[in-house]
């Protein structure tokens, strides 16, 4: 191959300079965005990020550029917020301005801006208000929903008892139980674990990108109303998926943690026996008398860090944030991980330690840094339900069983499959032995 001529080389240099100048003009023309690495034309910062471990790449950038910085995914800027102060200033202090839902191609293809999670503006306000009102009417945070959870936990106990000490993967057991709780709320009844319709629903939930095939209906009788068939159907899907996968995964990961640390499980057993005993089912009133169990549940959620960067937000108008100007529509990712793993609030955050939520007297200690459900106007609609499920299901299982690992506890691996959106747990098996 002949070497490039001088004219060709100069032309390539000029074209490259024009690309960089165009990218700079685009960046500067959209407002005074926070600092960040220089983006390449078209591809943005993709070459500077480790796509296999995006969380670690973004953490390194936050160390270099500060708690508020910009990266480009393709030609679009993404503002990232790191640390409690930055996240609080945005999602709480300027909550309305940061209450938009960020647009991502895959999310747009799946949800098309419908439902609770991925909608914006007046549609989102109406559907969220409607969901919260009806969840409360159906008993969220009240005795009626507690009874439903207790009932489902008892069915789960019988299913676990039928394993007769044999090894099993807890994924299906927990998915079915947690799904049945949300089914009893949004559909009005639970399903038998072998019901074919229920199993199909579970399968479709796990294959959520296919779920939308059931809703191609195009009804809209009132142009001013957001309560269309499409929006209500998508809202139901949102509640079902969000109310199943996150809670069941938290419990599944939580049991793996207890398998690795048997002394922690034993202390929970002791607290259950002292406060609840064996003669009745656990209830929410017990939680205030069980500070260690409560601390373990909080530490599980903090340590698991299930959704490291939340669901993408967006600014609803041009926003002055600190010394920057973020243009309307810009996608914003708040790093929940940077808050949940703050080393000043939680010393040695990479280590599982219930003491993070206990004071020197062993009483439960709250923390403003505990935001696994996010915070602000877009925080999880079902937080109250999830917290009840986690406490009642975990205590009911540990009231009846001791968890037994298949390997030496020190060999249990708590690392997850790297993921930017949601942490993925590797499959595992355990045995449950009656107490």
Protein backbone atom coordinates (compact mmCIF):
# COMPACT_ATOMS: atom_id res chain seq x y z
CA UNK A 1 0.00 0.00 0.00
CA UNK A 2 1.35 3.46 -0.94
CA UNK A 3 1.75 6.02 1.87
CA UNK A 4 -0.87 8.75 2.07
CA UNK A 5 -0.07 11.85 0.09
CA UNK A 6 0.36 15.21 1.84
CA UNK A 7 -2.89 16.55 0.38
CA UNK A 8 -4.89 13.50 1.52
CA UNK A 9 -3.39 13.65 4.99
CA UNK A 10 -4.21 17.35 5.34
CA UNK A 11 -7.74 16.64 4.15
CA UNK A 12 -8.20 13.94 6.80
CA UNK A 13 -6.89 16.28 9.49
CA UNK A 14 -9.25 19.04 8.37
CA UNK A 15 -12.25 16.69 8.29
CA UNK A 16 -11.39 15.41 11.79
CA UNK A 17 -11.08 18.96 13.08
CA UNK A 18 -14.45 19.83 11.59
CA UNK A 19 -16.02 16.83 13.32
CA UNK A 20 -14.56 17.81 16.67
CA UNK A 21 -15.56 21.45 16.16
CA UNK A 22 -19.09 20.37 15.26
CA UNK A 23 -19.31 18.24 18.42
CA UNK A 24 -17.97 21.13 20.51
CA UNK A 25 -20.47 23.56 18.97
CA UNK A 26 -23.29 21.12 19.64
CA UNK A 27 -22.19 20.69 23.22
CA UNK A 28 -21.71 24.40 23.92
CA UNK A 29 -24.88 25.33 22.06
CA UNK A 30 -27.06 23.22 24.31
CA UNK A 31 -26.23 25.15 27.45
CA UNK A 32 -23.36 25.08 29.87
CA UNK A 33 -23.42 21.35 30.49
CA UNK A 34 -21.38 19.82 33.32
CA UNK A 35 -17.80 18.77 32.46
CA UNK A 36 -16.90 15.37 31.08
CA UNK A 37 -14.57 13.54 28.72
CA UNK A 38 -14.24 14.85 25.18
CA UNK A 39 -16.79 13.08 23.01
CA UNK A 40 -16.06 11.75 19.54
CA UNK A 41 -18.44 12.60 16.69
CA UNK A 42 -21.32 10.15 16.21
CA UNK A 43 -20.10 7.57 18.77
CA UNK A 44 -19.78 9.92 21.73
CA UNK A 45 -17.79 8.48 24.64
CA UNK A 46 -18.36 4.82 23.84
CA UNK A 47 -14.63 4.15 23.34
CA UNK A 48 -13.81 5.62 26.77
CA UNK A 49 -16.31 3.41 28.61
CA UNK A 50 -16.01 -0.24 29.56
CA UNK A 51 -19.33 -1.53 28.29
CA UNK A 52 -18.90 -4.76 30.28
CA UNK A 53 -18.64 -2.84 33.54
CA UNK A 54 -20.32 0.50 32.95
CA UNK A 55 -20.77 1.13 36.67
CA UNK A 56 -17.04 1.08 37.32
CA UNK A 57 -16.32 3.27 34.29
CA UNK A 58 -18.79 5.91 35.43
CA UNK A 59 -17.43 5.76 38.98
CA UNK A 60 -13.94 6.57 37.66
CA UNK A 61 -15.34 9.50 35.69
CA UNK A 62 -17.08 10.86 38.79
CA UNK A 63 -13.76 10.77 40.64
CA UNK A 64 -12.12 12.72 37.81
CA UNK A 65 -14.86 15.21 36.89
CA UNK A 66 -16.81 15.57 40.13
CA UNK A 67 -20.32 14.68 41.33
CA UNK A 68 -22.06 16.19 38.30
CA UNK A 69 -20.65 15.30 34.89
CA UNK A 70 -21.66 14.65 31.27
CA UNK A 71 -21.02 11.72 28.97
CA UNK A 72 -22.30 11.20 25.44
CA UNK A 73 -24.10 8.03 24.42
CA UNK A 74 -23.88 8.52 20.69
CA UNK A 75 -24.70 12.13 19.96
CA UNK A 76 -26.92 12.62 23.01
CA UNK A 77 -25.58 14.05 26.29
CA UNK A 78 -26.33 12.21 29.52
CA UNK A 79 -25.87 14.04 32.84
CA UNK A 80 -24.87 11.83 35.76
CA UNK A 81 -25.36 12.73 39.41
CA UNK A 82 -23.07 11.14 41.99
CA UNK A 83 -23.26 11.37 45.77
CA UNK A 84 -26.04 12.16 48.23
CA UNK A 85 -25.79 15.94 47.97
CA UNK A 86 -26.07 16.10 44.17
CA UNK A 87 -28.87 13.52 44.04
CA UNK A 88 -30.82 15.31 46.79
CA UNK A 89 -30.40 18.75 45.19
CA UNK A 90 -31.76 17.42 41.91
CA UNK A 91 -34.48 14.92 42.83
CA UNK A 92 -35.79 16.61 45.97
CA UNK A 93 -34.80 20.30 46.05
CA UNK A 94 -35.53 20.69 42.31
CA UNK A 95 -37.80 17.69 42.11
CA UNK A 96 -40.30 19.10 39.63
CA UNK A 97 -37.62 20.12 37.15
CA UNK A 98 -35.99 16.66 37.29
CA UNK A 99 -39.27 14.68 37.24
CA UNK A 100 -39.24 13.84 33.54
CA UNK A 101 -38.59 10.32 32.27
CA UNK A 102 -35.47 10.00 30.16
CA UNK A 103 -35.93 8.58 26.67
CA UNK A 104 -34.03 5.47 25.66
CA UNK A 105 -34.66 3.68 22.32
CA UNK A 106 -35.41 0.29 23.91
CA UNK A 107 -37.76 1.81 26.49
CA UNK A 108 -39.55 3.78 23.79
CA UNK A 109 -40.00 0.65 21.70
CA UNK A 110 -41.43 -1.33 24.62
CA UNK A 111 -43.60 1.25 26.40
CA UNK A 112 -44.15 3.95 23.75
CA UNK A 113 -44.49 6.55 26.50
CA UNK A 114 -47.47 4.82 28.08
CA UNK A 115 -48.11 3.57 31.61
CA UNK A 116 -46.69 4.84 34.90
CA UNK A 117 -42.97 4.17 34.65
CA UNK A 118 -42.16 5.53 31.19
CA UNK A 119 -44.72 8.30 30.69
CA UNK A 120 -44.23 12.05 31.08
CA UNK A 121 -46.13 15.24 31.79
CA UNK A 122 -49.84 15.25 32.53
CA UNK A 123 -50.19 11.60 31.50
CA UNK A 124 -47.65 10.54 34.13
CA UNK A 125 -49.24 12.72 36.84
CA UNK A 126 -52.74 11.32 36.23
CA UNK A 127 -51.67 7.68 36.01
CA UNK A 128 -49.38 7.87 39.05
CA UNK A 129 -52.09 9.55 41.14
CA UNK A 130 -54.61 6.94 39.96
CA UNK A 131 -52.25 4.05 40.82
CA UNK A 132 -51.41 5.39 44.29
CA UNK A 133 -55.07 6.00 45.12
CA UNK A 134 -56.14 2.53 44.03
CA UNK A 135 -53.23 0.77 45.68
CA UNK A 136 -54.23 2.44 48.95
CA UNK A 137 -57.87 1.51 48.35
CA UNK A 138 -56.80 -2.09 47.82
CA UNK A 139 -54.99 -2.00 51.16
CA UNK A 140 -51.37 -0.99 50.57
CA UNK A 141 -50.00 -0.05 53.98
CA UNK A 142 -53.10 -1.42 55.72
CA UNK A 143 -54.12 -4.61 57.50
CA UNK A 144 -55.97 -6.00 54.48
CA UNK A 145 -52.86 -6.23 52.30
CA UNK A 146 -50.89 -7.57 55.27
CA UNK A 147 -53.36 -10.47 55.47
CA UNK A 148 -52.85 -11.18 51.76
CA UNK A 149 -49.08 -11.29 52.20
CA UNK A 150 -49.39 -13.54 55.26
CA UNK A 151 -51.66 -15.89 53.33
CA UNK A 152 -49.25 -16.11 50.42
CA UNK A 153 -46.30 -16.61 52.76
CA UNK A 154 -48.09 -19.60 54.30
CA UNK A 155 -48.59 -21.15 50.85
CA UNK A 156 -44.90 -20.58 50.15
CA UNK A 157 -43.94 -22.30 53.43
CA UNK A 158 -45.94 -25.39 52.45
CA UNK A 159 -44.28 -25.45 49.05
CA UNK A 160 -40.86 -25.20 50.66
CA UNK A 161 -41.78 -27.95 53.13
CA UNK A 162 -42.53 -30.23 50.19
CA UNK A 163 -38.91 -30.02 49.06
CA UNK A 164 -38.18 -32.31 52.05
CA UNK A 165 -34.68 -30.97 52.45
CA UNK A 166 -33.70 -31.52 48.82
CA UNK A 167 -31.67 -28.86 46.93
CA UNK A 168 -33.67 -26.41 44.81
CA UNK A 169 -33.29 -23.09 43.01
CA UNK A 170 -35.40 -20.51 44.91
CA UNK A 171 -36.04 -18.34 41.84
CA UNK A 172 -39.35 -19.89 40.76
CA UNK A 173 -40.66 -20.27 44.32
CA UNK A 174 -40.08 -16.61 45.17
CA UNK A 175 -41.25 -15.32 41.78
CA UNK A 176 -44.54 -17.18 42.10
CA UNK A 177 -45.18 -16.05 45.67
CA UNK A 178 -44.39 -12.37 45.08
CA UNK A 179 -46.28 -12.39 41.76
CA UNK A 180 -49.34 -13.80 43.49
CA UNK A 181 -49.33 -10.95 46.00
CA UNK A 182 -49.40 -8.29 43.28
CA UNK A 183 -51.97 -10.40 41.36
CA UNK A 184 -54.25 -10.37 44.39
CA UNK A 185 -54.03 -6.57 44.37
CA UNK A 186 -54.39 -5.72 40.68
CA UNK A 187 -56.43 -8.74 39.52
CA UNK A 188 -58.42 -9.34 42.72
CA UNK A 189 -57.31 -12.92 43.40
CA UNK A 190 -54.29 -15.21 43.74
CA UNK A 191 -53.53 -18.20 41.52
CA UNK A 192 -52.65 -21.78 42.26
CA UNK A 193 -48.92 -22.28 41.69
CA UNK A 194 -49.64 -24.84 38.96
CA UNK A 195 -52.32 -22.76 37.20
CA UNK A 196 -51.40 -22.65 33.52
CA UNK A 197 -52.60 -19.06 33.07
CA UNK A 198 -50.53 -17.97 36.03
CA UNK A 199 -47.43 -19.77 34.76
CA UNK A 200 -47.92 -18.15 31.39
CA UNK A 201 -48.21 -14.74 33.04
CA UNK A 202 -44.98 -15.35 34.96
CA UNK A 203 -43.21 -16.42 31.78
CA UNK A 204 -44.42 -13.36 29.94
CA UNK A 205 -43.29 -11.18 32.81
CA UNK A 206 -39.79 -12.57 32.55
CA UNK A 207 -39.94 -12.06 28.79
CA UNK A 208 -41.33 -8.56 29.23
CA UNK A 209 -40.35 -7.31 25.81
CA UNK A 210 -42.94 -9.73 24.35
CA UNK A 211 -45.65 -8.79 26.82
CA UNK A 212 -46.76 -5.80 24.81
CA UNK A 213 -48.15 -8.09 22.14
CA UNK A 214 -51.30 -8.50 24.21
CA UNK A 215 -52.08 -4.73 24.00
CA UNK A 216 -52.40 -3.42 20.37
CA UNK A 217 -55.80 -1.96 21.11
CA UNK A 218 -56.34 1.55 19.81
CA UNK A 219 -59.21 2.98 21.90
CA UNK A 220 -59.49 6.60 22.91
CA UNK A 221 -62.94 7.97 23.57
CA UNK A 222 -61.88 11.19 25.26
CA UNK A 223 -58.89 13.10 23.87
CA UNK A 224 -58.50 14.94 27.19
CA UNK A 225 -58.28 11.78 29.28
CA UNK A 226 -55.19 9.66 29.81
CA UNK A 227 -57.24 6.68 31.03
CA UNK A 228 -57.16 4.85 27.72
CA UNK A 229 -57.00 1.09 27.25
CA UNK A 230 -53.36 1.36 26.21
CA UNK A 231 -52.33 3.40 29.25
CA UNK A 232 -54.29 1.34 31.76
CA UNK A 233 -53.00 -1.91 30.26
CA UNK A 234 -49.41 -0.67 30.35
CA UNK A 235 -49.88 0.60 33.92
CA UNK A 236 -51.07 -2.87 34.95
CA UNK A 237 -48.01 -4.40 33.30
CA UNK A 238 -45.77 -1.86 35.04
CA UNK A 239 -47.23 -2.71 38.45
CA UNK A 240 -47.02 -6.43 37.81
CA UNK A 241 -43.41 -6.40 36.58
CA UNK A 242 -42.10 -3.85 39.07
CA UNK A 243 -44.00 -5.55 41.86
CA UNK A 244 -42.55 -8.97 41.08
CA UNK A 245 -38.99 -9.01 39.81
CA UNK A 246 -37.37 -6.47 42.14
CA UNK A 247 -38.80 -7.89 45.37
CA UNK A 248 -38.26 -11.55 44.46
CA UNK A 249 -34.68 -10.83 43.34
CA UNK A 250 -33.98 -8.96 46.58
CA UNK A 251 -35.21 -11.93 48.61
CA UNK A 252 -33.27 -14.41 46.47
CA UNK A 253 -30.07 -12.40 46.87
CA UNK A 254 -30.86 -11.88 50.55
CA UNK A 255 -31.08 -15.62 51.20
CA UNK A 256 -27.73 -16.09 49.47
CA UNK A 257 -26.25 -13.52 51.86
CA UNK A 258 -27.68 -15.40 54.84
CA UNK A 259 -26.21 -18.64 53.49
CA UNK A 260 -22.80 -16.99 53.47
CA UNK A 261 -23.18 -15.57 56.99
CA UNK A 262 -24.89 -18.22 59.19
CA UNK A 263 -24.34 -16.23 62.44
CA UNK A 264 -26.55 -13.45 61.01
CA UNK A 265 -29.31 -15.93 60.22
CA UNK A 266 -29.00 -17.38 63.72
CA UNK A 267 -29.47 -13.94 65.31
CA UNK A 268 -32.63 -13.46 63.22
CA UNK A 269 -33.89 -16.85 64.44
CA UNK A 270 -33.28 -15.78 68.03
CA UNK A 271 -35.16 -12.51 67.51
CA UNK A 272 -38.07 -14.29 65.82
CA UNK A 273 -38.33 -16.81 68.66
CA UNK A 274 -38.20 -14.05 71.29
CA UNK A 275 -40.69 -11.64 69.70
CA UNK A 276 -43.01 -13.85 67.62
CA UNK A 277 -42.52 -17.42 68.74
CA UNK A 278 -43.79 -20.38 66.73
CA UNK A 279 -47.52 -20.17 67.46
CA UNK A 280 -48.57 -17.35 65.14
CA UNK A 281 -47.60 -15.71 61.84
CA UNK A 282 -45.29 -12.68 61.80
CA UNK A 283 -47.08 -9.31 61.41
CA UNK A 284 -45.92 -5.78 60.63
CA UNK A 285 -46.36 -4.72 64.26
CA UNK A 286 -43.47 -7.06 65.11
CA UNK A 287 -40.95 -5.09 63.05
CA UNK A 288 -40.52 -2.30 65.59
CA UNK A 289 -39.61 -4.96 68.19
CA UNK A 290 -37.07 -6.62 65.89
CA UNK A 291 -34.30 -4.06 65.28
CA UNK A 292 -31.70 -6.61 64.15
CA UNK A 293 -33.99 -8.19 61.54
CA UNK A 294 -35.00 -4.72 60.34
CA UNK A 295 -31.34 -3.73 60.08
CA UNK A 296 -30.55 -6.89 58.09
CA UNK A 297 -33.34 -6.14 55.61
CA UNK A 298 -32.12 -2.58 55.14
CA UNK A 299 -28.54 -3.74 54.74
CA UNK A 300 -29.64 -6.31 52.18
CA UNK A 301 -31.24 -3.63 50.04
CA UNK A 302 -28.28 -1.29 50.47
CA UNK A 303 -25.70 -3.97 49.72
CA UNK A 304 -27.62 -5.50 46.81
CA UNK A 305 -27.97 -2.09 45.16
CA UNK A 306 -30.43 -3.62 42.72
CA UNK A 307 -30.89 -0.67 40.31
CA UNK A 308 -27.56 1.23 40.49
CA UNK A 309 -28.59 4.22 38.35
CA UNK A 310 -32.35 4.17 38.86
CA UNK A 311 -34.60 4.51 35.81
CA UNK A 312 -33.45 7.47 33.64
CA UNK A 313 -34.82 10.89 34.54
CA UNK A 314 -35.02 13.96 32.31
CA UNK A 315 -35.32 17.68 32.97
CA UNK A 316 -38.74 19.11 32.12
CA UNK A 317 -37.37 22.53 31.14
CA UNK A 318 -34.04 24.38 30.87
CA UNK A 319 -32.65 23.99 34.37
CA UNK A 320 -30.01 26.00 36.21
CA UNK A 321 -28.29 23.40 38.38
CA UNK A 322 -25.32 24.57 40.39
CA UNK A 323 -23.20 26.55 37.91
CA UNK A 324 -24.54 24.67 34.88
CA UNK A 325 -27.45 25.04 32.45
CA UNK A 326 -29.03 21.73 31.54
CA UNK A 327 -31.29 22.00 28.46
CA UNK A 328 -34.88 20.78 28.50
CA UNK A 329 -35.21 17.07 27.69
CA UNK A 330 -31.65 16.13 28.69
CA UNK A 331 -31.49 12.62 30.18
CA UNK A 332 -30.22 12.44 33.76
CA UNK A 333 -29.00 9.36 35.61
CA UNK A 334 -28.90 9.67 39.43
CA UNK A 335 -26.38 7.20 40.83
CA UNK A 336 -28.20 5.48 43.68
CA UNK A 337 -25.11 3.33 44.11
CA UNK A 338 -22.99 6.35 45.00
CA UNK A 339 -25.42 7.12 47.85
CA UNK A 340 -25.96 3.56 49.08
CA UNK A 341 -22.20 2.96 49.04
CA UNK A 342 -21.15 6.27 50.61
CA UNK A 343 -18.15 5.35 52.77
CA UNK A 344 -18.72 8.12 55.32
CA UNK A 345 -22.32 7.11 56.00
CA UNK A 346 -21.63 3.36 55.66
CA UNK A 347 -18.03 2.51 56.63
CA UNK A 348 -16.56 -0.27 54.46
CA UNK A 349 -19.62 -0.20 52.16
CA UNK A 350 -18.41 -3.18 50.11
CA UNK A 351 -18.83 -5.36 53.19
CA UNK A 352 -22.24 -6.67 54.31
CA UNK A 353 -22.79 -5.33 57.82
CA UNK A 354 -26.21 -4.92 59.55
CA UNK A 355 -24.42 -2.59 62.00
CA UNK A 356 -24.76 0.12 59.36
CA UNK A 357 -28.37 0.44 60.57
CA UNK A 358 -27.87 -0.11 64.32
CA UNK A 359 -26.78 2.38 66.96
CA UNK A 360 -24.42 1.66 69.86
CA UNK A 361 -27.35 0.30 71.91
CA UNK A 362 -28.52 -2.11 69.23
CA UNK A 363 -31.57 -0.01 68.32
CA UNK A 364 -32.51 0.46 64.67
CA UNK A 365 -30.93 3.57 63.12
CA UNK A 366 -32.48 5.32 60.12
CA UNK A 367 -30.39 6.88 57.37
CA UNK A 368 -31.28 9.52 54.79
CA UNK A 369 -28.81 7.73 52.48
CA UNK A 370 -31.07 4.67 52.28
CA UNK A 371 -32.71 5.22 48.87
CA UNK A 372 -33.01 1.82 47.11
CA UNK A 373 -36.47 2.89 45.90
CA UNK A 374 -34.98 6.16 44.56
CA UNK A 375 -36.28 9.45 45.95
CA UNK A 376 -38.28 12.50 44.92
CA UNK A 377 -41.32 12.62 42.67
CA UNK A 378 -40.33 9.54 40.66
CA UNK A 379 -39.64 7.23 43.58
CA UNK A 380 -41.14 3.73 43.43
CA UNK A 381 -44.94 3.70 43.67
CA UNK A 382 -44.93 0.33 45.41
CA UNK A 383 -42.34 1.05 48.10
CA UNK A 384 -44.80 0.44 50.94
CA UNK A 385 -45.93 -2.88 49.50
CA UNK A 386 -42.36 -4.04 48.84
CA UNK A 387 -41.22 -3.25 52.39
CA UNK A 388 -44.13 -5.27 53.82
CA UNK A 389 -43.41 -8.20 51.51
CA UNK A 390 -39.71 -8.29 52.35
CA UNK A 391 -40.31 -8.33 56.10
CA UNK A 392 -43.24 -10.75 56.22
CA UNK A 393 -41.90 -13.27 53.69
CA UNK A 394 -38.38 -13.36 55.13
CA UNK A 395 -39.52 -13.71 58.75
CA UNK A 396 -42.15 -16.32 57.90
CA UNK A 397 -39.61 -18.49 56.08
CA UNK A 398 -36.99 -18.15 58.83
CA UNK A 399 -39.62 -18.82 61.49
CA UNK A 400 -40.14 -22.23 59.91
CA UNK A 401 -36.81 -23.16 58.32
CA UNK A 402 -33.05 -22.99 58.59
CA UNK A 403 -31.27 -22.27 55.31
CA UNK A 404 -28.58 -24.77 54.36
CA UNK A 405 -25.94 -24.07 51.68
CA UNK A 406 -24.61 -26.76 49.35
CA UNK A 407 -21.02 -25.51 49.73
CA UNK A 408 -18.89 -24.12 52.51
CA UNK A 409 -20.21 -20.61 53.35
CA UNK A 410 -16.78 -19.06 52.78
CA UNK A 411 -16.92 -20.29 49.15
CA UNK A 412 -20.25 -18.61 48.39
CA UNK A 413 -19.79 -15.91 45.77
CA UNK A 414 -21.91 -12.77 46.25
CA UNK A 415 -20.75 -11.01 43.07
CA UNK A 416 -23.32 -10.34 40.38
CA UNK A 417 -23.24 -10.28 36.60
CA UNK A 418 -22.14 -6.74 35.59
CA UNK A 419 -25.10 -4.71 34.36
CA UNK A 420 -25.85 -1.00 34.00
CA UNK A 421 -29.61 -1.24 34.47
CA UNK A 422 -30.30 -3.95 37.06
CA UNK A 423 -27.94 -6.26 38.92
CA UNK A 424 -28.27 -9.84 37.74
CA UNK A 425 -27.76 -12.66 40.23
CA UNK A 426 -26.13 -15.93 39.20
CA UNK A 427 -28.33 -19.03 39.74
CA UNK A 428 -27.77 -21.04 42.91
CA UNK A 429 -29.39 -23.79 44.94
CA UNK A 430 -30.03 -24.29 48.66
CA UNK A 431 -31.86 -26.59 51.04
CA UNK A 432 -34.36 -25.61 53.72
CA UNK A 433 -34.53 -27.67 56.92
CA UNK A 434 -37.55 -27.50 59.25
CA UNK A 435 -36.81 -25.90 62.63
